[in-house]
Amino acid sequence: MKDPEFRVEYARIEEEYALIEAMVRARAAANLTQAELALRLGTTQSAVARLEGGRVSPSFATLRRYAEATGARLSVSLELAN
């Protein structure tokens, strides 16, 4: 953690994993399987698995649709770096 570049990369990955975890929690709270969520999103179970596995970077529109399909609220913030 002494290397500034490492800290930046670690923070970036940490935020991505926090988002993925929140997505999975929202789906679980909605009591949906990946296949059921896929039907609501008009996509496939494998596409939902890729989203939740971090293998793709979802667009804002996809995140909004995911939130709506799970009954969650999407909240995004942009903070100035120190």
PDB file of N, CA and C in Angstrom:
ATOM      1  N   MET A   1       0.813  -1.206   0.000  1.00  0.00           N
ATOM      2  CA  MET A   1       0.000   0.000   0.000  1.00  0.00           C
ATOM      3  C   MET A   1       0.854   1.266   0.000  1.00  0.00           C
ATOM      4  N   LYS A   2       2.153   1.121   0.012  1.00  0.00           N
ATOM      5  CA  LYS A   2       3.031   2.296  -0.017  1.00  0.00           C
ATOM      6  C   LYS A   2       3.130   2.900  -1.402  1.00  0.00           C
ATOM      7  N   ASP A   3       2.954   2.079  -2.412  1.00  0.00           N
ATOM      8  CA  ASP A   3       3.050   2.526  -3.798  1.00  0.00           C
ATOM      9  C   ASP A   3       1.759   3.256  -4.194  1.00  0.00           C
ATOM     10  N   PRO A   4       1.844   4.528  -4.596  1.00  0.00           N
ATOM     11  CA  PRO A   4       0.637   5.286  -4.956  1.00  0.00           C
ATOM     12  C   PRO A   4      -0.159   4.652  -6.100  1.00  0.00           C
ATOM     13  N   GLU A   5       0.529   4.095  -7.083  1.00  0.00           N
ATOM     14  CA  GLU A   5      -0.170   3.455  -8.201  1.00  0.00           C
ATOM     15  C   GLU A   5      -0.952   2.239  -7.722  1.00  0.00           C
ATOM     16  N   PHE A   6      -0.349   1.475  -6.825  1.00  0.00           N
ATOM     17  CA  PHE A   6      -1.025   0.302  -6.274  1.00  0.00           C
ATOM     18  C   PHE A   6      -2.278   0.725  -5.510  1.00  0.00           C
ATOM     19  N   ARG A   7      -2.175   1.787  -4.708  1.00  0.00           N
ATOM     20  CA  ARG A   7      -3.323   2.264  -3.934  1.00  0.00           C
ATOM     21  C   ARG A   7      -4.472   2.677  -4.854  1.00  0.00           C
ATOM     22  N   VAL A   8      -4.153   3.343  -5.949  1.00  0.00           N
ATOM     23  CA  VAL A   8      -5.180   3.772  -6.901  1.00  0.00           C
ATOM     24  C   VAL A   8      -5.865   2.548  -7.511  1.00  0.00           C
ATOM     25  N   GLU A   9      -5.091   1.587  -7.951  1.00  0.00           N
ATOM     26  CA  GLU A   9      -5.656   0.380  -8.560  1.00  0.00           C
ATOM     27  C   GLU A   9      -6.476  -0.411  -7.541  1.00  0.00           C
ATOM     28  N   TYR A  10      -5.986  -0.513  -6.330  1.00  0.00           N
ATOM     29  CA  TYR A  10      -6.709  -1.223  -5.274  1.00  0.00           C
ATOM     30  C   TYR A  10      -8.056  -0.548  -5.013  1.00  0.00           C
ATOM     31  N   ALA A  11      -8.066   0.772  -4.929  1.00  0.00           N
ATOM     32  CA  ALA A  11      -9.310   1.509  -4.690  1.00  0.00           C
ATOM     33  C   ALA A  11     -10.285   1.303  -5.847  1.00  0.00           C
ATOM     34  N   ARG A  12      -9.784   1.287  -7.067  1.00  0.00           N
ATOM     35  CA  ARG A  12     -10.642   1.074  -8.240  1.00  0.00           C
ATOM     36  C   ARG A  12     -11.303  -0.298  -8.191  1.00  0.00           C
ATOM     37  N   ILE A  13     -10.513  -1.302  -7.882  1.00  0.00           N
ATOM     38  CA  ILE A  13     -11.041  -2.669  -7.826  1.00  0.00           C
ATOM     39  C   ILE A  13     -12.000  -2.815  -6.650  1.00  0.00           C
ATOM     40  N   GLU A  14     -11.660  -2.202  -5.527  1.00  0.00           N
ATOM     41  CA  GLU A  14     -12.520  -2.286  -4.344  1.00  0.00           C
ATOM     42  C   GLU A  14     -13.912  -1.727  -4.643  1.00  0.00           C
ATOM     43  N   GLU A  15     -13.979  -0.619  -5.362  1.00  0.00           N
ATOM     44  CA  GLU A  15     -15.267  -0.020  -5.717  1.00  0.00           C
ATOM     45  C   GLU A  15     -16.055  -0.916  -6.663  1.00  0.00           C
ATOM     46  N   GLU A  16     -15.366  -1.551  -7.605  1.00  0.00           N
ATOM     47  CA  GLU A  16     -16.046  -2.457  -8.530  1.00  0.00           C
ATOM     48  C   GLU A  16     -16.639  -3.643  -7.781  1.00  0.00           C
ATOM     49  N   TYR A  17     -15.869  -4.215  -6.858  1.00  0.00           N
ATOM     50  CA  TYR A  17     -16.372  -5.354  -6.100  1.00  0.00           C
ATOM     51  C   TYR A  17     -17.520  -4.947  -5.177  1.00  0.00           C
ATOM     52  N   ALA A  18     -17.477  -3.751  -4.645  1.00  0.00           N
ATOM     53  CA  ALA A  18     -18.573  -3.271  -3.807  1.00  0.00           C
ATOM     54  C   ALA A  18     -19.847  -3.161  -4.636  1.00  0.00           C
ATOM     55  N   LEU A  19     -19.738  -2.693  -5.873  1.00  0.00           N
ATOM     56  CA  LEU A  19     -20.893  -2.600  -6.754  1.00  0.00           C
ATOM     57  C   LEU A  19     -21.443  -3.985  -7.066  1.00  0.00           C
ATOM     58  N   ILE A  20     -20.560  -4.912  -7.402  1.00  0.00           N
ATOM     59  CA  ILE A  20     -20.991  -6.278  -7.708  1.00  0.00           C
ATOM     60  C   ILE A  20     -21.698  -6.888  -6.506  1.00  0.00           C
ATOM     61  N   GLU A  21     -21.129  -6.706  -5.330  1.00  0.00           N
ATOM     62  CA  GLU A  21     -21.743  -7.242  -4.108  1.00  0.00           C
ATOM     63  C   GLU A  21     -23.129  -6.638  -3.887  1.00  0.00           C
ATOM     64  N   ALA A  22     -23.262  -5.344  -4.121  1.00  0.00           N
ATOM     65  CA  ALA A  22     -24.558  -4.680  -3.965  1.00  0.00           C
ATOM     66  C   ALA A  22     -25.572  -5.223  -4.970  1.00  0.00           C
ATOM     67  N   MET A  23     -25.130  -5.506  -6.189  1.00  0.00           N
ATOM     68  CA  MET A  23     -26.030  -6.052  -7.196  1.00  0.00           C
ATOM     69  C   MET A  23     -26.538  -7.428  -6.777  1.00  0.00           C
ATOM     70  N   VAL A  24     -25.639  -8.272  -6.319  1.00  0.00           N
ATOM     71  CA  VAL A  24     -26.030  -9.626  -5.905  1.00  0.00           C
ATOM     72  C   VAL A  24     -26.965  -9.549  -4.694  1.00  0.00           C
ATOM     73  N   ARG A  25     -26.669  -8.652  -3.752  1.00  0.00           N
ATOM     74  CA  ARG A  25     -27.540  -8.487  -2.579  1.00  0.00           C
ATOM     75  C   ARG A  25     -28.935  -8.023  -3.004  1.00  0.00           C
ATOM     76  N   ALA A  26     -29.005  -7.105  -3.971  1.00  0.00           N
ATOM     77  CA  ALA A  26     -30.306  -6.616  -4.446  1.00  0.00           C
ATOM     78  C   ALA A  26     -31.097  -7.747  -5.085  1.00  0.00           C
ATOM     79  N   ARG A  27     -30.427  -8.560  -5.877  1.00  0.00           N
ATOM     80  CA  ARG A  27     -31.120  -9.693  -6.517  1.00  0.00           C
ATOM     81  C   ARG A  27     -31.609 -10.683  -5.468  1.00  0.00           C
ATOM     82  N   ALA A  28     -30.756 -10.974  -4.473  1.00  0.00           N
ATOM     83  CA  ALA A  28     -31.141 -11.907  -3.410  1.00  0.00           C
ATOM     84  C   ALA A  28     -32.303 -11.346  -2.590  1.00  0.00           C
ATOM     85  N   ALA A  29     -32.261 -10.046  -2.292  1.00  0.00           N
ATOM     86  CA  ALA A  29     -33.335  -9.420  -1.525  1.00  0.00           C
ATOM     87  C   ALA A  29     -34.658  -9.464  -2.292  1.00  0.00           C
ATOM     88  N   ALA A  30     -34.572  -9.419  -3.618  1.00  0.00           N
ATOM     89  CA  ALA A  30     -35.767  -9.508  -4.457  1.00  0.00           C
ATOM     90  C   ALA A  30     -36.203 -10.960  -4.637  1.00  0.00           C
ATOM     91  N   ASN A  31     -35.417 -11.875  -4.067  1.00  0.00           N
ATOM     92  CA  ASN A  31     -35.714 -13.304  -4.141  1.00  0.00           C
ATOM     93  C   ASN A  31     -35.775 -13.804  -5.580  1.00  0.00           C
ATOM     94  N   LEU A  32     -34.801 -13.336  -6.386  1.00  0.00           N
ATOM     95  CA  LEU A  32     -34.742 -13.703  -7.799  1.00  0.00           C
ATOM     96  C   LEU A  32     -33.515 -14.537  -8.091  1.00  0.00           C
ATOM     97  N   THR A  33     -33.668 -15.515  -8.966  1.00  0.00           N
ATOM     98  CA  THR A  33     -32.511 -16.216  -9.494  1.00  0.00           C
ATOM     99  C   THR A  33     -31.938 -15.376 -10.636  1.00  0.00           C
ATOM    100  N   GLN A  34     -30.762 -15.743 -11.089  1.00  0.00           N
ATOM    101  CA  GLN A  34     -30.199 -15.044 -12.246  1.00  0.00           C
ATOM    102  C   GLN A  34     -31.108 -15.208 -13.457  1.00  0.00           C
ATOM    103  N   ALA A  35     -31.681 -16.379 -13.619  1.00  0.00           N
ATOM    104  CA  ALA A  35     -32.561 -16.629 -14.770  1.00  0.00           C
ATOM    105  C   ALA A  35     -33.821 -15.776 -14.690  1.00  0.00           C
ATOM    106  N   GLU A  36     -34.401 -15.657 -13.497  1.00  0.00           N
ATOM    107  CA  GLU A  36     -35.605 -14.833 -13.335  1.00  0.00           C
ATOM    108  C   GLU A  36     -35.296 -13.355 -13.590  1.00  0.00           C
ATOM    109  N   LEU A  37     -34.155 -12.907 -13.086  1.00  0.00           N
ATOM    110  CA  LEU A  37     -33.752 -11.524 -13.326  1.00  0.00           C
ATOM    111  C   LEU A  37     -33.506 -11.294 -14.812  1.00  0.00           C
ATOM    112  N   ALA A  38     -32.887 -12.265 -15.463  1.00  0.00           N
ATOM    113  CA  ALA A  38     -32.629 -12.144 -16.897  1.00  0.00           C
ATOM    114  C   ALA A  38     -33.929 -11.944 -17.672  1.00  0.00           C
ATOM    115  N   LEU A  39     -34.972 -12.665 -17.302  1.00  0.00           N
ATOM    116  CA  LEU A  39     -36.272 -12.489 -17.970  1.00  0.00           C
ATOM    117  C   LEU A  39     -36.778 -11.068 -17.799  1.00  0.00           C
ATOM    118  N   ARG A  40     -36.635 -10.518 -16.596  1.00  0.00           N
ATOM    119  CA  ARG A  40     -37.081  -9.142 -16.347  1.00  0.00           C
ATOM    120  C   ARG A  40     -36.267  -8.129 -17.149  1.00  0.00           C
ATOM    121  N   LEU A  41     -34.990  -8.446 -17.350  1.00  0.00           N
ATOM    122  CA  LEU A  41     -34.106  -7.535 -18.075  1.00  0.00           C
ATOM    123  C   LEU A  41     -34.155  -7.743 -19.583  1.00  0.00           C
ATOM    124  N   GLY A  42     -34.783  -8.827 -20.007  1.00  0.00           N
ATOM    125  CA  GLY A  42     -34.827  -9.129 -21.430  1.00  0.00           C
ATOM    126  C   GLY A  42     -33.491  -9.594 -21.960  1.00  0.00           C
ATOM    127  N   THR A  43     -32.783 -10.362 -21.139  1.00  0.00           N
ATOM    128  CA  THR A  43     -31.474 -10.864 -21.529  1.00  0.00           C
ATOM    129  C   THR A  43     -31.361 -12.323 -21.103  1.00  0.00           C
ATOM    130  N   THR A  44     -30.174 -12.851 -21.071  1.00  0.00           N
ATOM    131  CA  THR A  44     -29.958 -14.252 -20.716  1.00  0.00           C
ATOM    132  C   THR A  44     -29.357 -14.381 -19.324  1.00  0.00           C
ATOM    133  N   GLN A  45     -29.491 -15.566 -18.754  1.00  0.00           N
ATOM    134  CA  GLN A  45     -28.894 -15.842 -17.444  1.00  0.00           C
ATOM    135  C   GLN A  45     -27.387 -15.665 -17.510  1.00  0.00           C
ATOM    136  N   SER A  46     -26.777 -16.075 -18.622  1.00  0.00           N
ATOM    137  CA  SER A  46     -25.318 -15.951 -18.729  1.00  0.00           C
ATOM    138  C   SER A  46     -24.887 -14.480 -18.754  1.00  0.00           C
ATOM    139  N   ALA A  47     -25.711 -13.600 -19.313  1.00  0.00           N
ATOM    140  CA  ALA A  47     -25.391 -12.172 -19.307  1.00  0.00           C
ATOM    141  C   ALA A  47     -25.444 -11.620 -17.882  1.00  0.00           C
ATOM    142  N   VAL A  48     -26.430 -12.060 -17.104  1.00  0.00           N
ATOM    143  CA  VAL A  48     -26.513 -11.639 -15.701  1.00  0.00           C
ATOM    144  C   VAL A  48     -25.313 -12.177 -14.932  1.00  0.00           C
ATOM    145  N   ALA A  49     -24.920 -13.416 -15.212  1.00  0.00           N
ATOM    146  CA  ALA A  49     -23.753 -13.999 -14.543  1.00  0.00           C
ATOM    147  C   ALA A  49     -22.490 -13.198 -14.866  1.00  0.00           C
ATOM    148  N   ARG A  50     -22.345 -12.755 -16.107  1.00  0.00           N
ATOM    149  CA  ARG A  50     -21.181 -11.943 -16.472  1.00  0.00           C
ATOM    150  C   ARG A  50     -21.202 -10.608 -15.724  1.00  0.00           C
ATOM    151  N   LEU A  51     -22.378  -9.996 -15.615  1.00  0.00           N
ATOM    152  CA  LEU A  51     -22.503  -8.741 -14.857  1.00  0.00           C
ATOM    153  C   LEU A  51     -22.084  -8.949 -13.403  1.00  0.00           C
ATOM    154  N   GLU A  52     -22.648  -9.982 -12.793  1.00  0.00           N
ATOM    155  CA  GLU A  52     -22.392 -10.234 -11.383  1.00  0.00           C
ATOM    156  C   GLU A  52     -21.009 -10.821 -11.127  1.00  0.00           C
ATOM    157  N   GLY A  53     -20.379 -11.304 -12.164  1.00  0.00           N
ATOM    158  CA  GLY A  53     -19.030 -11.857 -12.027  1.00  0.00           C
ATOM    159  C   GLY A  53     -17.942 -10.833 -12.285  1.00  0.00           C
ATOM    160  N   GLY A  54     -18.339  -9.634 -12.677  1.00  0.00           N
ATOM    161  CA  GLY A  54     -17.365  -8.579 -12.926  1.00  0.00           C
ATOM    162  C   GLY A  54     -16.625  -8.717 -14.240  1.00  0.00           C
ATOM    163  N   ARG A  55     -17.144  -9.535 -15.133  1.00  0.00           N
ATOM    164  CA  ARG A  55     -16.459  -9.742 -16.413  1.00  0.00           C
ATOM    165  C   ARG A  55     -16.808  -8.699 -17.456  1.00  0.00           C
ATOM    166  N   VAL A  56     -17.804  -7.864 -17.153  1.00  0.00           N
ATOM    167  CA  VAL A  56     -18.170  -6.766 -18.044  1.00  0.00           C
ATOM    168  C   VAL A  56     -18.376  -5.504 -17.217  1.00  0.00           C
ATOM    169  N   SER A  57     -18.225  -4.372 -17.854  1.00  0.00           N
ATOM    170  CA  SER A  57     -18.498  -3.095 -17.198  1.00  0.00           C
ATOM    171  C   SER A  57     -19.866  -2.616 -17.668  1.00  0.00           C
ATOM    172  N   PRO A  58     -20.849  -2.634 -16.782  1.00  0.00           N
ATOM    173  CA  PRO A  58     -22.196  -2.256 -17.211  1.00  0.00           C
ATOM    174  C   PRO A  58     -22.322  -0.758 -17.454  1.00  0.00           C
ATOM    175  N   SER A  59     -23.178  -0.420 -18.387  1.00  0.00           N
ATOM    176  CA  SER A  59     -23.480   0.995 -18.635  1.00  0.00           C
ATOM    177  C   SER A  59     -24.386   1.503 -17.523  1.00  0.00           C
ATOM    178  N   PHE A  60     -24.518   2.809 -17.455  1.00  0.00           N
ATOM    179  CA  PHE A  60     -25.419   3.409 -16.478  1.00  0.00           C
ATOM    180  C   PHE A  60     -26.846   2.923 -16.719  1.00  0.00           C
ATOM    181  N   ALA A  61     -27.234   2.828 -17.980  1.00  0.00           N
ATOM    182  CA  ALA A  61     -28.581   2.366 -18.323  1.00  0.00           C
ATOM    183  C   ALA A  61     -28.806   0.934 -17.836  1.00  0.00           C
ATOM    184  N   THR A  62     -27.804   0.082 -17.980  1.00  0.00           N
ATOM    185  CA  THR A  62     -27.921  -1.301 -17.512  1.00  0.00           C
ATOM    186  C   THR A  62     -28.052  -1.339 -15.998  1.00  0.00           C
ATOM    187  N   LEU A  63     -27.257  -0.535 -15.307  1.00  0.00           N
ATOM    188  CA  LEU A  63     -27.358  -0.489 -13.847  1.00  0.00           C
ATOM    189  C   LEU A  63     -28.743  -0.009 -13.414  1.00  0.00           C
ATOM    190  N   ARG A  64     -29.286   0.977 -14.123  1.00  0.00           N
ATOM    191  CA  ARG A  64     -30.622   1.485 -13.806  1.00  0.00           C
ATOM    192  C   ARG A  64     -31.669   0.394 -14.007  1.00  0.00           C
ATOM    193  N   ARG A  65     -31.593  -0.319 -15.124  1.00  0.00           N
ATOM    194  CA  ARG A  65     -32.543  -1.401 -15.397  1.00  0.00           C
ATOM    195  C   ARG A  65     -32.415  -2.513 -14.368  1.00  0.00           C
ATOM    196  N   TYR A  66     -31.179  -2.841 -13.984  1.00  0.00           N
ATOM    197  CA  TYR A  66     -30.935  -3.877 -12.984  1.00  0.00           C
ATOM    198  C   TYR A  66     -31.584  -3.462 -11.664  1.00  0.00           C
ATOM    199  N   ALA A  67     -31.373  -2.214 -11.259  1.00  0.00           N
ATOM    200  CA  ALA A  67     -31.953  -1.714 -10.012  1.00  0.00           C
ATOM    201  C   ALA A  67     -33.479  -1.787 -10.062  1.00  0.00           C
ATOM    202  N   GLU A  68     -34.067  -1.317 -11.144  1.00  0.00           N
ATOM    203  CA  GLU A  68     -35.527  -1.344 -11.277  1.00  0.00           C
ATOM    204  C   GLU A  68     -36.053  -2.781 -11.233  1.00  0.00           C
ATOM    205  N   ALA A  69     -35.371  -3.697 -11.899  1.00  0.00           N
ATOM    206  CA  ALA A  69     -35.815  -5.086 -11.958  1.00  0.00           C
ATOM    207  C   ALA A  69     -35.741  -5.781 -10.601  1.00  0.00           C
ATOM    208  N   THR A  70     -34.865  -5.292  -9.732  1.00  0.00           N
ATOM    209  CA  THR A  70     -34.724  -5.901  -8.399  1.00  0.00           C
ATOM    210  C   THR A  70     -35.448  -5.108  -7.321  1.00  0.00           C
ATOM    211  N   GLY A  71     -36.079  -4.007  -7.707  1.00  0.00           N
ATOM    212  CA  GLY A  71     -36.768  -3.179  -6.725  1.00  0.00           C
ATOM    213  C   GLY A  71     -35.820  -2.344  -5.890  1.00  0.00           C
ATOM    214  N   ALA A  72     -34.620  -2.148  -6.398  1.00  0.00           N
ATOM    215  CA  ALA A  72     -33.620  -1.356  -5.688  1.00  0.00           C
ATOM    216  C   ALA A  72     -33.587   0.062  -6.262  1.00  0.00           C
ATOM    217  N   ARG A  73     -32.835   0.914  -5.604  1.00  0.00           N
ATOM    218  CA  ARG A  73     -32.664   2.290  -6.066  1.00  0.00           C
ATOM    219  C   ARG A  73     -31.195   2.486  -6.403  1.00  0.00           C
ATOM    220  N   LEU A  74     -30.916   2.960  -7.587  1.00  0.00           N
ATOM    221  CA  LEU A  74     -29.544   3.212  -8.016  1.00  0.00           C
ATOM    222  C   LEU A  74     -29.101   4.570  -7.488  1.00  0.00           C
ATOM    223  N   SER A  75     -27.956   4.584  -6.855  1.00  0.00           N
ATOM    224  CA  SER A  75     -27.395   5.819  -6.324  1.00  0.00           C
ATOM    225  C   SER A  75     -25.943   5.900  -6.775  1.00  0.00           C
ATOM    226  N   VAL A  76     -25.587   7.015  -7.405  1.00  0.00           N
ATOM    227  CA  VAL A  76     -24.229   7.210  -7.908  1.00  0.00           C
ATOM    228  C   VAL A  76     -23.688   8.505  -7.329  1.00  0.00           C
ATOM    229  N   SER A  77     -22.434   8.476  -6.937  1.00  0.00           N
ATOM    230  CA  SER A  77     -21.839   9.721  -6.445  1.00  0.00           C
ATOM    231  C   SER A  77     -20.476   9.911  -7.097  1.00  0.00           C
ATOM    232  N   LEU A  78     -20.104  11.135  -7.214  1.00  0.00           N
ATOM    233  CA  LEU A  78     -18.802  11.499  -7.755  1.00  0.00           C
ATOM    234  C   LEU A  78     -18.157  12.402  -6.722  1.00  0.00           C
ATOM    235  N   GLU A  79     -17.001  11.990  -6.227  1.00  0.00           N
ATOM    236  CA  GLU A  79     -16.338  12.734  -5.172  1.00  0.00           C
ATOM    237  C   GLU A  79     -14.977  13.209  -5.645  1.00  0.00           C
ATOM    238  N   LEU A  80     -14.586  14.355  -5.218  1.00  0.00           N
ATOM    239  CA  LEU A  80     -13.271  14.877  -5.563  1.00  0.00           C
ATOM    240  C   LEU A  80     -12.195  14.051  -4.888  1.00  0.00           C
ATOM    241  N   ALA A  81     -11.146  13.744  -5.627  1.00  0.00           N
ATOM    242  CA  ALA A  81     -10.026  12.992  -5.067  1.00  0.00           C
ATOM    243  C   ALA A  81      -9.195  13.918  -4.193  1.00  0.00           C
ATOM    244  N   ASN A  82      -8.633  13.367  -3.177  1.00  0.00           N
ATOM    245  CA  ASN A  82      -7.778  14.165  -2.284  1.00  0.00           C
ATOM    246  C   ASN A  82      -6.343  14.122  -2.721  1.00  0.00           C
TER     247      ASN A  82
END
